[in-house]
C-alpha atoms as a PDB file:
ATOM      1  CA  MET A   1     111.012   2.713 -52.515  1.00  0.00           C
ATOM      2  CA  ASP A   2     110.344   2.478 -48.804  1.00  0.00           C
ATOM      3  CA  PRO A   3     112.208   5.443 -47.275  1.00  0.00           C
ATOM      4  CA  PHE A   4     111.828   3.998 -43.783  1.00  0.00           C
ATOM      5  CA  ALA A   5     113.530   0.756 -44.852  1.00  0.00           C
ATOM      6  CA  VAL A   6     116.335   2.704 -46.545  1.00  0.00           C
ATOM      7  CA  PHE A   7     117.029   4.373 -43.201  1.00  0.00           C
ATOM      8  CA  GLY A   8     116.349   1.271 -41.120  1.00  0.00           C
ATOM      9  CA  MET A   9     113.676   3.137 -39.187  1.00  0.00           C
ATOM     10  CA  ALA A  10     110.255   1.993 -38.086  1.00  0.00           C
ATOM     11  CA  PRO A  11     107.490   3.562 -40.195  1.00  0.00           C
ATOM     12  CA  ALA A  12     105.978   6.396 -38.166  1.00  0.00           C
ATOM     13  CA  VAL A  13     104.492   9.844 -38.669  1.00  0.00           C
ATOM     14  CA  ASP A  14     106.733  11.339 -36.005  1.00  0.00           C
ATOM     15  CA  LEU A  15     110.456  10.767 -36.300  1.00  0.00           C
ATOM     16  CA  ASP A  16     113.202  12.125 -34.109  1.00  0.00           C
ATOM     17  CA  ARG A  17     114.739  14.804 -36.326  1.00  0.00           C
ATOM     18  CA  ARG A  18     118.203  14.486 -34.798  1.00  0.00           C
ATOM     19  CA  ALA A  19     118.201  10.702 -35.166  1.00  0.00           C
ATOM     20  CA  LEU A  20     117.040  11.070 -38.767  1.00  0.00           C
ATOM     21  CA  GLU A  21     119.812  13.540 -39.570  1.00  0.00           C
ATOM     22  CA  ALA A  22     122.443  11.402 -37.823  1.00  0.00           C
ATOM     23  CA  ARG A  23     121.327   8.352 -39.781  1.00  0.00           C
ATOM     24  CA  TYR A  24     121.402  10.353 -43.016  1.00  0.00           C
ATOM     25  CA  LEU A  25     124.981  11.463 -42.380  1.00  0.00           C
ATOM     26  CA  GLU A  26     125.975   7.900 -41.554  1.00  0.00           C
ATOM     27  CA  LEU A  27     124.395   6.510 -44.730  1.00  0.00           C
ATOM     28  CA  SER A  28     125.778   9.350 -46.859  1.00  0.00           C
ATOM     29  CA  ARG A  29     129.303   8.733 -45.628  1.00  0.00           C
ATOM     30  CA  ALA A  30     128.988   5.004 -46.276  1.00  0.00           C
ATOM     31  CA  CYS A  31     128.263   5.553 -49.959  1.00  0.00           C
ATOM     32  CA  HIS A  32     130.379   8.643 -50.564  1.00  0.00           C
ATOM     33  CA  PRO A  33     132.751   8.159 -53.520  1.00  0.00           C
ATOM     34  CA  ASP A  34     135.740   9.544 -51.587  1.00  0.00           C
ATOM     35  CA  HIS A  35     135.548   6.561 -49.230  1.00  0.00           C
ATOM     36  CA  HIS A  36     135.567   4.115 -52.136  1.00  0.00           C
ATOM     37  CA  ALA A  37     138.051   5.654 -54.575  1.00  0.00           C
ATOM     38  CA  ALA A  38     139.679   2.286 -55.289  1.00  0.00           C
ATOM     39  CA  ALA A  39     136.387   0.586 -56.140  1.00  0.00           C
ATOM     40  CA  GLY A  40     135.772  -0.500 -59.704  1.00  0.00           C
ATOM     41  CA  ALA A  41     133.373   1.176 -62.121  1.00  0.00           C
ATOM     42  CA  ASP A  42     130.496  -1.175 -61.292  1.00  0.00           C
ATOM     43  CA  ALA A  43     130.932  -0.575 -57.566  1.00  0.00           C
ATOM     44  CA  GLN A  44     131.121   3.196 -58.156  1.00  0.00           C
ATOM     45  CA  LEU A  45     127.862   3.068 -60.119  1.00  0.00           C
ATOM     46  CA  GLU A  46     126.244   1.051 -57.356  1.00  0.00           C
ATOM     47  CA  LEU A  47     127.439   3.597 -54.785  1.00  0.00           C
ATOM     48  CA  LEU A  48     126.016   6.486 -56.830  1.00  0.00           C
ATOM     49  CA  THR A  49     122.693   4.679 -57.105  1.00  0.00           C
ATOM     50  CA  ARG A  50     122.719   4.030 -53.363  1.00  0.00           C
ATOM     51  CA  ALA A  51     123.557   7.689 -52.668  1.00  0.00           C
ATOM     52  CA  ALA A  52     120.632   8.817 -54.832  1.00  0.00           C
ATOM     53  CA  THR A  53     118.311   6.445 -52.970  1.00  0.00           C
ATOM     54  CA  VAL A  54     119.539   7.719 -49.599  1.00  0.00           C
ATOM     55  CA  ASN A  55     119.079  11.350 -50.684  1.00  0.00           C
ATOM     56  CA  GLU A  56     115.556  10.692 -51.973  1.00  0.00           C
ATOM     57  CA  ALA A  57     114.582   8.829 -48.816  1.00  0.00           C
ATOM     58  CA  TYR A  58     115.930  11.676 -46.690  1.00  0.00           C
ATOM     59  CA  ARG A  59     114.014  14.242 -48.733  1.00  0.00           C
ATOM     60  CA  ILE A  60     110.825  12.312 -48.026  1.00  0.00           C
ATOM     61  CA  LEU A  61     111.444  11.558 -44.361  1.00  0.00           C
ATOM     62  CA  ARG A  62     112.491  15.037 -43.295  1.00  0.00           C
ATOM     63  CA  ASP A  63     109.189  16.577 -44.485  1.00  0.00           C
ATOM     64  CA  ARG A  64     106.270  15.517 -42.295  1.00  0.00           C
ATOM     65  CA  TRP A  65     103.747  15.732 -45.136  1.00  0.00           C
ATOM     66  CA  GLN A  66     105.804  13.619 -47.513  1.00  0.00           C
ATOM     67  CA  ARG A  67     106.548  11.189 -44.685  1.00  0.00           C
ATOM     68  CA  ALA A  68     102.813  10.808 -44.043  1.00  0.00           C
ATOM     69  CA  GLU A  69     102.200  10.275 -47.762  1.00  0.00           C
ATOM     70  CA  ALA A  70     104.872   7.582 -47.756  1.00  0.00           C
ATOM     71  CA  LEU A  71     103.162   5.865 -44.818  1.00  0.00           C
ATOM     72  CA  VAL A  72      99.817   5.911 -46.610  1.00  0.00           C
ATOM     73  CA  ALA A  73     101.397   4.622 -49.823  1.00  0.00           C
ATOM     74  CA  LEU A  74     103.149   1.795 -47.976  1.00  0.00           C
ATOM     75  CA  ASN A  75     100.022   0.677 -46.165  1.00  0.00           C
ATOM     76  CA  ALA A  76      97.374   1.331 -48.809  1.00  0.00           C
ATOM     77  CA  PRO A  77      99.093   1.716 -52.188  1.00  0.00           C
ATOM     78  CA  ASP A  78      95.956   2.901 -54.004  1.00  0.00           C
ATOM     79  CA  ALA A  79      94.546   5.202 -51.316  1.00  0.00           C
ATOM     80  CA  LEU A  80      96.149   8.430 -52.532  1.00  0.00           C
ATOM     81  CA  ALA A  81      95.000   7.905 -56.116  1.00  0.00           C
ATOM     82  CA  GLU A  82      91.521   6.783 -55.057  1.00  0.00           C
ATOM     83  CA  ARG A  83      90.958   9.771 -52.770  1.00  0.00           C
ATOM     84  CA  LYS A  84      92.299  12.458 -55.099  1.00  0.00           C
ATOM     85  CA  VAL A  85      88.856  13.807 -56.053  1.00  0.00           C
ATOM     86  CA  LEU A  86      87.749  16.083 -53.227  1.00  0.00           C
ATOM     87  CA  SER A  87      84.229  17.102 -52.332  1.00  0.00           C
ATOM     88  CA  PRO A  88      82.688  20.084 -54.116  1.00  0.00           C
ATOM     89  CA  ALA A  89      82.071  21.749 -50.733  1.00  0.00           C
ATOM     90  CA  PHE A  90      85.749  21.493 -49.816  1.00  0.00           C
ATOM     91  CA  LEU A  91      86.855  22.743 -53.226  1.00  0.00           C
ATOM     92  CA  ALA A  92      84.477  25.715 -53.019  1.00  0.00           C
ATOM     93  CA  ALA A  93      85.864  26.630 -49.596  1.00  0.00           C
ATOM     94  CA  ALA A  94      89.429  26.231 -50.887  1.00  0.00           C
ATOM     95  CA  LEU A  95      88.672  28.518 -53.833  1.00  0.00           C
ATOM     96  CA  GLU A  96      87.179  31.097 -51.495  1.00  0.00           C
ATOM     97  CA  LEU A  97      90.274  30.907 -49.298  1.00  0.00           C
ATOM     98  CA  ALA A  98      92.546  31.338 -52.330  1.00  0.00           C
ATOM     99  CA  GLU A  99      90.581  34.440 -53.328  1.00  0.00           C
ATOM    100  CA  GLU A 100      90.897  35.859 -49.810  1.00  0.00           C
ATOM    101  CA  VAL A 101      94.638  35.256 -49.907  1.00  0.00           C
ATOM    102  CA  ALA A 102      94.901  36.994 -53.276  1.00  0.00           C
ATOM    103  CA  ASP A 103      92.995  40.000 -51.941  1.00  0.00           C
ATOM    104  CA  VAL A 104      95.015  40.756 -48.801  1.00  0.00           C
ATOM    105  CA  ALA A 105      98.164  42.848 -48.659  1.00  0.00           C
ATOM    106  CA  GLY A 106     101.233  41.097 -47.229  1.00  0.00           C
ATOM    107  CA  GLY A 107     101.769  43.183 -44.104  1.00  0.00           C
ATOM    108  CA  SER A 108      98.198  44.139 -43.278  1.00  0.00           C
ATOM    109  CA  ALA A 109      96.287  43.197 -40.159  1.00  0.00           C
ATOM    110  CA  ASP A 110      93.889  41.257 -42.388  1.00  0.00           C
ATOM    111  CA  ALA A 111      96.810  39.234 -43.698  1.00  0.00           C
ATOM    112  CA  ALA A 112      97.884  38.394 -40.135  1.00  0.00           C
ATOM    113  CA  LYS A 113      94.368  37.220 -39.246  1.00  0.00           C
ATOM    114  CA  LEU A 114      94.159  35.188 -42.414  1.00  0.00           C
ATOM    115  CA  ARG A 115      97.558  33.656 -41.696  1.00  0.00           C
ATOM    116  CA  THR A 116      96.332  32.591 -38.263  1.00  0.00           C
ATOM    117  CA  ARG A 117      93.248  31.029 -39.845  1.00  0.00           C
ATOM    118  CA  VAL A 118      95.296  29.191 -42.481  1.00  0.00           C
ATOM    119  CA  ASP A 119      97.768  27.979 -39.837  1.00  0.00           C
ATOM    120  CA  HIS A 120      94.797  26.588 -37.917  1.00  0.00           C
ATOM    121  CA  LEU A 121      93.448  24.847 -41.037  1.00  0.00           C
ATOM    122  CA  ILE A 122      96.850  23.261 -41.656  1.00  0.00           C
ATOM    123  CA  ALA A 123      97.141  22.146 -38.031  1.00  0.00           C
ATOM    124  CA  THR A 124      93.662  20.631 -38.224  1.00  0.00           C
ATOM    125  CA  GLU A 125      94.579  18.754 -41.400  1.00  0.00           C
ATOM    126  CA  TRP A 126      97.794  17.484 -39.800  1.00  0.00           C
ATOM    127  CA  ASP A 127      95.936  16.268 -36.720  1.00  0.00           C
ATOM    128  CA  ALA A 128      93.428  14.468 -38.969  1.00  0.00           C
ATOM    129  CA  VAL A 129      96.227  12.859 -41.003  1.00  0.00           C
ATOM    130  CA  CYS A 130      97.892  11.647 -37.802  1.00  0.00           C
ATOM    131  CA  ALA A 131      94.589  10.322 -36.452  1.00  0.00           C
ATOM    132  CA  GLY A 132      93.908   8.517 -39.733  1.00  0.00           C
ATOM    133  CA  VAL A 133      97.367   6.940 -39.719  1.00  0.00           C
ATOM    134  CA  ALA A 134      97.051   5.928 -36.054  1.00  0.00           C
ATOM    135  CA  ALA A 135      93.662   4.315 -36.715  1.00  0.00           C
ATOM    136  CA  GLY A 136      94.767   2.671 -39.952  1.00  0.00           C
ATOM    137  CA  ASP A 137      92.146   4.750 -41.767  1.00  0.00           C
ATOM    138  CA  TRP A 138      94.285   5.202 -44.862  1.00  0.00           C
ATOM    139  CA  ALA A 139      91.422   6.580 -46.967  1.00  0.00           C
ATOM    140  CA  ASN A 140      90.785   9.415 -44.535  1.00  0.00           C
ATOM    141  CA  ALA A 141      94.502  10.109 -44.158  1.00  0.00           C
ATOM    142  CA  ALA A 142      94.820  10.255 -47.956  1.00  0.00           C
ATOM    143  CA  THR A 143      91.875  12.640 -48.272  1.00  0.00           C
ATOM    144  CA  ARG A 144      93.266  14.926 -45.601  1.00  0.00           C
ATOM    145  CA  LEU A 145      96.699  14.898 -47.257  1.00  0.00           C
ATOM    146  CA  HIS A 146      95.116  16.045 -50.513  1.00  0.00           C
ATOM    147  CA  GLN A 147      93.115  18.738 -48.713  1.00  0.00           C
ATOM    148  CA  SER A 148      96.201  19.956 -46.903  1.00  0.00           C
ATOM    149  CA  ARG A 149      97.825  20.836 -50.209  1.00  0.00           C
ATOM    150  CA  TYR A 150      95.248  23.580 -50.768  1.00  0.00           C
ATOM    151  CA  HIS A 151      95.827  25.031 -47.312  1.00  0.00           C
ATOM    152  CA  ARG A 152      99.611  24.778 -47.571  1.00  0.00           C
ATOM    153  CA  LYS A 153      99.433  26.520 -50.954  1.00  0.00           C
ATOM    154  CA  ALA A 154      97.369  29.305 -49.374  1.00  0.00           C
ATOM    155  CA  LEU A 155     100.002  29.695 -46.659  1.00  0.00           C
ATOM    156  CA  HIS A 156     102.761  29.766 -49.248  1.00  0.00           C
ATOM    157  CA  ASP A 157     100.907  32.466 -51.196  1.00  0.00           C
ATOM    158  CA  LEU A 158     100.394  34.490 -48.012  1.00  0.00           C
ATOM    159  CA  GLN A 159     104.099  34.398 -47.280  1.00  0.00           C
ATOM    160  CA  ARG A 160     105.056  35.920 -50.639  1.00  0.00           C
END
């Protein structure tokens, strides 16, 4: 499924959030069962299928990381699978970061410093994903998307 096509939007990393939400509400209303109560069973089933597609597309488009993955998948269908194996150096650094996260206390000054560092790593990954997409370097964008998962997981663990 092409979530951009479902919404009738041009494929892009950056989408106007308000326009996306407005389009979602418009599409949701168009396939809501209450607006088609007199429709037959086949039409109702089609509407439910359409509603599920709209909801899935919205879930993807409203999250910048999933939206970027969708762009990579649309433009280079094999790139994400081909770039899944990350370098040993990156994985070692990611493991070290995960250990640091596990060792800090939630409200400590060390946790705040680590959070700043992880936020910076995530921002760097995002910038690299955007640069890869802009340049049509789908392999690099795919690699950076995979790497970002480790940093986003570290941030998630820090926030617990």
